[in-house]
């Protein structure tokens, strides 16, 4: 569980998709800095050197190979050395796991880690756990 006494600064994209997670972060007294200069739907934790891109599975087109979203993810990976893709879906059924698998396979071997999340609370909890101690992933 994320320690609520730990506070940090988060640079948050100005996109509407980041509004709800930002409100939760603010309620936990983290410092939020909005930015139009980072990719939409992204969160950057400068002190830990981690960055997160929030994508809902509904954003993927039926033909995964020809989606602009992959270009956005590739750009995100090239910008951020320690990058995480948060794939959000309320429920993971076969279709959602197929998309998840396709994304993992597409970015296999690069510095992107793909994490399935269900809710905004999961998004925030996951980001805070990883940003607080990015080495936690080495233990998994």
Protein backbone atom coordinates (compact mmCIF):
# COMPACT_ATOMS: atom_id res chain seq x y z
CA UNK A 1 0.00 0.00 0.00
CA UNK A 2 1.24 3.52 -0.81
CA UNK A 3 2.42 5.47 2.22
CA UNK A 4 0.25 8.60 2.38
CA UNK A 5 2.87 10.50 4.42
CA UNK A 6 5.22 10.45 1.42
CA UNK A 7 4.70 13.58 -0.71
CA UNK A 8 6.13 14.38 -4.11
CA UNK A 9 5.72 16.63 -7.11
CA UNK A 10 3.95 15.27 -10.17
CA UNK A 11 3.97 16.91 -13.58
CA UNK A 12 0.60 16.15 -15.11
CA UNK A 13 -0.62 16.51 -18.65
CA UNK A 14 -3.35 19.09 -19.14
CA UNK A 15 -5.54 16.50 -20.88
CA UNK A 16 -8.97 15.81 -19.34
CA UNK A 17 -8.10 12.13 -18.83
CA UNK A 18 -5.69 13.23 -16.09
CA UNK A 19 -8.25 15.25 -14.11
CA UNK A 20 -9.60 12.51 -11.85
CA UNK A 21 -6.19 11.02 -10.94
CA UNK A 22 -4.90 14.56 -10.32
CA UNK A 23 -7.73 15.23 -7.89
CA UNK A 24 -6.84 12.09 -5.93
CA UNK A 25 -3.16 13.08 -5.88
CA UNK A 26 -4.08 16.58 -4.67
CA UNK A 27 -6.31 15.13 -1.95
CA UNK A 28 -3.26 13.16 -0.76
CA UNK A 29 -1.36 16.48 -0.70
CA UNK A 30 1.03 15.76 -3.56
CA UNK A 31 2.15 18.82 -5.51
CA UNK A 32 0.65 18.92 -9.00
CA UNK A 33 2.16 20.90 -11.86
CA UNK A 34 0.03 20.99 -15.03
CA UNK A 35 1.86 21.05 -18.34
CA UNK A 36 0.92 21.33 -21.99
CA UNK A 37 4.45 20.37 -23.02
CA UNK A 38 4.28 16.71 -22.01
CA UNK A 39 2.34 14.05 -23.92
CA UNK A 40 -1.37 14.01 -23.25
CA UNK A 41 -2.52 11.54 -20.59
CA UNK A 42 0.90 11.36 -18.97
CA UNK A 43 2.22 11.78 -15.45
CA UNK A 44 5.89 12.45 -14.71
CA UNK A 45 7.47 12.01 -11.29
CA UNK A 46 10.72 13.97 -11.72
CA UNK A 47 12.27 13.07 -8.36
CA UNK A 48 12.08 9.33 -9.03
CA UNK A 49 12.61 9.60 -12.79
CA UNK A 50 9.44 7.66 -13.62
CA UNK A 51 6.75 8.49 -16.16
CA UNK A 52 3.33 6.98 -16.71
CA UNK A 53 1.05 7.06 -19.74
CA UNK A 54 -2.62 6.37 -19.02
CA UNK A 55 -4.52 4.69 -21.85
CA UNK A 56 -7.98 3.18 -21.79
CA UNK A 57 -8.35 0.01 -23.82
CA UNK A 58 -11.23 1.67 -25.64
CA UNK A 59 -8.70 4.01 -27.27
CA UNK A 60 -7.26 1.14 -29.32
CA UNK A 61 -8.76 0.63 -32.73
CA UNK A 62 -9.98 -2.75 -33.94
CA UNK A 63 -6.82 -3.11 -36.05
CA UNK A 64 -4.03 -2.80 -33.53
CA UNK A 65 -1.31 -2.64 -36.17
CA UNK A 66 -2.55 0.61 -37.68
CA UNK A 67 -3.23 2.73 -34.64
CA UNK A 68 -1.85 6.22 -33.96
CA UNK A 69 -1.80 5.24 -30.33
CA UNK A 70 1.25 3.02 -30.92
CA UNK A 71 3.08 6.06 -32.33
CA UNK A 72 2.18 8.02 -29.21
CA UNK A 73 3.44 5.18 -27.00
CA UNK A 74 6.67 4.94 -29.02
CA UNK A 75 7.24 8.67 -28.59
CA UNK A 76 6.59 8.34 -24.85
CA UNK A 77 9.14 5.52 -24.57
CA UNK A 78 11.77 7.54 -26.47
CA UNK A 79 11.28 10.53 -24.18
CA UNK A 80 11.19 8.74 -20.82
CA UNK A 81 13.86 6.28 -19.80
CA UNK A 82 11.81 4.72 -16.99
CA UNK A 83 8.35 4.48 -18.57
CA UNK A 84 5.14 2.72 -17.64
CA UNK A 85 1.97 2.24 -19.65
CA UNK A 86 -1.17 1.98 -17.53
CA UNK A 87 -3.83 0.14 -19.54
CA UNK A 88 -7.17 0.87 -17.95
CA UNK A 89 -10.28 -1.26 -18.35
CA UNK A 90 -13.07 -1.86 -15.82
CA UNK A 91 -12.93 -5.60 -16.52
CA UNK A 92 -10.30 -7.69 -18.28
CA UNK A 93 -11.92 -10.31 -20.48
CA UNK A 94 -10.45 -12.11 -23.50
CA UNK A 95 -10.56 -9.04 -25.77
CA UNK A 96 -8.83 -6.85 -23.18
CA UNK A 97 -6.13 -9.47 -22.50
CA UNK A 98 -5.57 -9.80 -26.28
CA UNK A 99 -4.96 -6.06 -26.55
CA UNK A 100 -2.74 -6.14 -23.46
CA UNK A 101 -0.72 -8.99 -24.97
CA UNK A 102 -0.42 -7.19 -28.32
CA UNK A 103 0.91 -4.08 -26.62
CA UNK A 104 3.41 -6.09 -24.58
CA UNK A 105 4.62 -7.95 -27.67
CA UNK A 106 4.91 -4.75 -29.68
CA UNK A 107 7.17 -3.15 -27.06
CA UNK A 108 9.03 -6.26 -25.94
CA UNK A 109 12.67 -5.51 -25.28
CA UNK A 110 12.31 -1.79 -24.68
CA UNK A 111 12.10 0.15 -21.45
CA UNK A 112 8.28 0.18 -21.31
CA UNK A 113 6.48 -1.77 -18.63
CA UNK A 114 2.78 -2.42 -19.22
CA UNK A 115 0.49 -2.53 -16.19
CA UNK A 116 -3.22 -3.44 -16.24
CA UNK A 117 -5.42 -1.25 -14.04
CA UNK A 118 -9.15 -1.25 -13.43
CA UNK A 119 -9.99 2.06 -11.77
CA UNK A 120 -8.65 5.54 -11.17
CA UNK A 121 -7.79 4.50 -7.63
CA UNK A 122 -5.66 1.65 -9.08
CA UNK A 123 -3.95 4.14 -11.40
CA UNK A 124 -2.96 6.44 -8.55
CA UNK A 125 -2.00 3.63 -6.17
CA UNK A 126 0.21 1.98 -8.81
CA UNK A 127 1.92 5.21 -9.79
CA UNK A 128 2.69 6.12 -6.17
CA UNK A 129 4.05 2.68 -5.27
CA UNK A 130 6.38 2.66 -8.27
CA UNK A 131 7.39 6.34 -8.06
CA UNK A 132 8.20 6.03 -4.37
CA UNK A 133 10.62 3.16 -5.03
CA UNK A 134 11.14 2.20 -8.71
CA UNK A 135 13.38 -0.67 -7.55
CA UNK A 136 10.25 -2.49 -6.36
CA UNK A 137 9.83 -3.86 -9.87
CA UNK A 138 13.17 -5.60 -9.66
CA UNK A 139 11.79 -7.66 -6.79
CA UNK A 140 8.85 -8.95 -8.87
